[in-house]
Protein backbone atom coordinates (compact mmCIF):
# COMPACT_ATOMS: atom_id res chain seq x y z
CA UNK A 1 -24.71 -9.40 3.72
CA UNK A 2 -20.92 -9.73 4.12
CA UNK A 3 -18.02 -7.75 2.78
CA UNK A 4 -16.42 -9.20 -0.34
CA UNK A 5 -12.63 -9.23 -0.34
CA UNK A 6 -11.02 -9.16 -3.78
CA UNK A 7 -8.66 -11.99 -4.71
CA UNK A 8 -5.92 -12.13 -7.35
CA UNK A 9 -8.26 -14.26 -9.47
CA UNK A 10 -10.88 -11.50 -9.36
CA UNK A 11 -8.35 -9.04 -10.73
CA UNK A 12 -7.60 -11.21 -13.76
CA UNK A 13 -11.27 -12.12 -14.22
CA UNK A 14 -12.26 -8.45 -14.47
CA UNK A 15 -9.26 -7.45 -16.57
CA UNK A 16 -7.75 -5.33 -13.79
CA UNK A 17 -4.45 -7.25 -13.87
CA UNK A 18 -2.70 -9.78 -16.04
CA UNK A 19 -1.32 -13.04 -14.75
CA UNK A 20 2.18 -11.74 -15.53
CA UNK A 21 1.63 -8.60 -13.45
CA UNK A 22 0.33 -10.63 -10.53
CA UNK A 23 3.32 -12.95 -10.71
CA UNK A 24 5.71 -9.98 -10.48
CA UNK A 25 3.79 -8.73 -7.42
CA UNK A 26 3.59 -12.18 -5.81
CA UNK A 27 7.38 -12.56 -6.13
CA UNK A 28 7.91 -9.08 -4.71
CA UNK A 29 5.78 -9.91 -1.68
CA UNK A 30 7.44 -13.26 -1.06
CA UNK A 31 10.80 -11.45 -1.18
CA UNK A 32 9.49 -8.82 1.27
CA UNK A 33 9.91 -5.94 -1.15
CA UNK A 34 8.52 -2.50 -0.30
CA UNK A 35 5.57 -1.87 -2.63
CA UNK A 36 3.94 1.47 -3.39
CA UNK A 37 0.53 1.48 -5.09
CA UNK A 38 -0.48 4.77 -6.71
CA UNK A 39 -3.50 6.04 -8.57
CA UNK A 40 -6.29 8.56 -8.64
CA UNK A 41 -9.22 8.49 -6.26
CA UNK A 42 -11.33 5.35 -6.76
CA UNK A 43 -8.73 3.72 -9.01
CA UNK A 44 -8.76 0.45 -7.03
CA UNK A 45 -5.84 0.92 -4.64
CA UNK A 46 -7.51 -0.73 -1.64
CA UNK A 47 -8.94 -3.58 -3.74
CA UNK A 48 -5.44 -4.28 -5.08
CA UNK A 49 -4.07 -4.32 -1.53
CA UNK A 50 -6.77 -6.83 -0.53
CA UNK A 51 -5.89 -9.07 -3.46
CA UNK A 52 -2.14 -8.85 -2.80
CA UNK A 53 -2.62 -9.83 0.82
CA UNK A 54 -3.67 -13.27 -0.43
CA UNK A 55 -0.03 -13.74 -1.49
CA UNK A 56 1.26 -13.14 2.06
CA UNK A 57 1.85 -16.50 3.77
CA UNK A 58 -0.52 -17.31 6.62
CA UNK A 59 2.31 -17.56 9.14
CA UNK A 60 3.48 -13.99 8.47
CA UNK A 61 2.08 -11.20 10.64
CA UNK A 62 0.56 -8.20 8.86
CA UNK A 63 -0.19 -4.84 10.48
CA UNK A 64 -2.68 -2.75 8.52
CA UNK A 65 -2.71 0.95 9.38
CA UNK A 66 -5.99 2.48 8.25
CA UNK A 67 -8.57 5.00 9.37
CA UNK A 68 -12.19 4.80 10.46
CA UNK A 69 -12.59 1.04 10.01
CA UNK A 70 -11.89 1.18 6.26
CA UNK A 71 -10.05 -2.17 6.20
CA UNK A 72 -11.47 -5.42 7.53
CA UNK A 73 -9.12 -8.18 8.73
CA UNK A 74 -10.09 -11.16 6.57
CA UNK A 75 -7.28 -13.50 7.63
CA UNK A 76 -6.19 -14.41 11.16
CA UNK A 77 -2.66 -13.06 10.61
CA UNK A 78 -3.93 -9.51 9.90
CA UNK A 79 -4.01 -7.00 12.75
CA UNK A 80 -5.72 -3.69 12.00
CA UNK A 81 -4.42 -0.55 13.70
CA UNK A 82 -7.30 1.86 13.21
CA UNK A 83 -6.64 5.57 13.49
CA UNK A 84 -8.90 8.60 13.46
CA UNK A 85 -8.76 12.31 14.02
CA UNK A 86 -9.37 13.13 17.66
CA UNK A 87 -8.29 15.70 20.21
CA UNK A 88 -4.80 14.21 20.60
CA UNK A 89 -1.96 15.89 18.71
CA UNK A 90 -0.86 14.27 15.43
CA UNK A 91 2.55 13.41 16.86
CA UNK A 92 1.00 11.52 19.78
CA UNK A 93 -1.30 9.50 17.50
CA UNK A 94 1.69 8.74 15.28
CA UNK A 95 3.83 7.68 18.26
CA UNK A 96 1.09 5.28 19.35
CA UNK A 97 0.89 3.73 15.88
CA UNK A 98 4.68 3.31 15.75
CA UNK A 99 4.64 1.67 19.20
CA UNK A 100 1.88 -0.71 18.11
CA UNK A 101 3.78 -1.68 14.96
CA UNK A 102 6.94 -2.36 16.96
CA UNK A 103 5.00 -4.41 19.52
CA UNK A 104 3.41 -6.51 16.74
CA UNK A 105 6.75 -6.89 14.94
CA UNK A 106 4.98 -7.75 11.66
CA UNK A 107 6.47 -9.19 8.49
CA UNK A 108 4.54 -6.57 6.49
CA UNK A 109 3.09 -3.17 7.33
CA UNK A 110 0.26 -1.98 5.10
CA UNK A 111 -0.62 1.72 5.08
CA UNK A 112 -3.80 2.41 3.14
CA UNK A 113 -4.04 6.11 2.22
CA UNK A 114 -4.59 7.97 5.45
CA UNK A 115 -4.02 11.40 6.85
CA UNK A 116 -4.71 10.74 10.52
CA UNK A 117 -1.05 10.07 11.34
CA UNK A 118 2.31 11.36 10.13
CA UNK A 119 3.11 8.77 7.43
CA UNK A 120 6.48 10.40 6.69
CA UNK A 121 7.56 9.88 10.29
CA UNK A 122 6.42 6.24 10.25
CA UNK A 123 8.58 5.69 7.17
CA UNK A 124 11.58 7.54 8.57
CA UNK A 125 11.50 5.44 11.70
CA UNK A 126 10.45 2.03 10.35
CA UNK A 127 11.05 1.55 6.62
CA UNK A 128 14.49 0.01 7.18
CA UNK A 129 13.07 -2.51 9.67
CA UNK A 130 9.82 -3.71 8.06
CA UNK A 131 8.46 -4.46 4.60
CA UNK A 132 5.70 -2.06 3.51
CA UNK A 133 2.76 -2.01 1.13
CA UNK A 134 1.56 1.58 0.87
CA UNK A 135 -1.12 3.34 -1.16
CA UNK A 136 -1.00 6.96 -2.26
CA UNK A 137 -2.85 9.33 -4.51
CA UNK A 138 -1.13 10.25 -7.76
CA UNK A 139 -3.17 12.63 -9.87
CA UNK A 140 -0.56 13.45 -12.52
CA UNK A 141 2.10 11.55 -14.45
CA UNK A 142 4.76 12.81 -12.03
CA UNK A 143 4.44 9.79 -9.73
CA UNK A 144 7.43 10.60 -7.53
CA UNK A 145 6.40 14.24 -7.12
CA UNK A 146 2.81 13.28 -6.34
CA UNK A 147 3.75 10.68 -3.73
CA UNK A 148 6.21 13.05 -2.09
CA UNK A 149 3.40 15.62 -1.90
CA UNK A 150 0.59 13.36 -0.68
CA UNK A 151 2.60 11.26 1.77
CA UNK A 152 4.90 14.15 2.69
CA UNK A 153 7.98 12.00 2.27
CA UNK A 154 11.41 12.93 0.94
CA UNK A 155 12.87 11.75 -2.34
CA UNK A 156 15.32 9.66 -0.33
CA UNK A 157 12.43 7.86 1.40
CA UNK A 158 10.60 7.38 -1.93
CA UNK A 159 13.73 5.74 -3.34
CA UNK A 160 13.61 3.07 -0.61
CA UNK A 161 10.56 1.52 -2.28
CA UNK A 162 11.40 -1.42 -4.53
CA UNK A 163 8.23 -1.61 -6.64
CA UNK A 164 5.70 1.02 -7.72
CA UNK A 165 2.35 -0.09 -9.13
CA UNK A 166 0.55 2.57 -11.16
CA UNK A 167 -3.22 2.15 -11.44
CA UNK A 168 -5.51 3.79 -13.93
CA UNK A 169 -9.24 4.34 -14.04
CA UNK A 170 -11.12 4.94 -17.27
CA UNK A 171 -13.55 7.65 -16.23
CA UNK A 172 -15.89 6.88 -19.14
CA UNK A 173 -16.30 3.17 -18.41
CA UNK A 174 -15.25 3.04 -14.76
CA UNK A 175 -12.80 0.23 -15.56
CA UNK A 176 -9.85 0.05 -13.14
CA UNK A 177 -6.58 -1.70 -13.91
CA UNK A 178 -2.85 -1.85 -13.38
CA UNK A 179 -1.32 0.50 -15.92
CA UNK A 180 2.33 -0.25 -15.25
CA UNK A 181 4.68 -1.77 -12.69
CA UNK A 182 8.01 -0.07 -12.07
CA UNK A 183 11.20 -0.93 -10.22
CA UNK A 184 12.84 1.90 -8.32
CA UNK A 185 16.54 1.97 -9.26
CA UNK A 186 18.94 4.80 -8.42
CA UNK A 187 16.04 7.20 -7.86
CA UNK A 188 14.43 6.37 -11.22
CA UNK A 189 11.25 4.52 -12.08
CA UNK A 190 12.04 1.78 -14.60
CA UNK A 191 9.15 -0.15 -16.16
CA UNK A 192 9.05 -3.87 -15.36
CA UNK A 193 5.73 -4.54 -17.11
């Protein structure tokens, strides 16, 4: 039995995204915008990342930073940099990840919610040089405050993202979907859709 990778068509089929929302995200990716995907635990962040990666052209390199084998490379242009807690100091693990990203020189860097490296340092050092797709927990309506807390980034770093995708999960039905897409302008989240 294989692993099923979600596609953009799956998202519309299951009502998790509209065609209009996917078009906004496809355009953002093709323009190498920095995208932040936020939601509660089990809201579909990783599945959305999988689907969005179908929009990345096959000749673009993608580095996926994840932990404990959580992400499977399903296209030849995807390189997974797998991290885990071990006896090495956090700063050393983070330095190794940064070195690997620089050596790959990818068109996109994907960071899927992890706490095995210093994500804030990765951003500080690389966000001006590479396009990012990043996932983060957001358990309240204060998206910016939540992301700053969970990723341990500054408001200035948060403001470097171009697009924020807010996911929601109906805890009664289990249905997961895109709630809203925002543009980040002058430190503010402005709804696009």
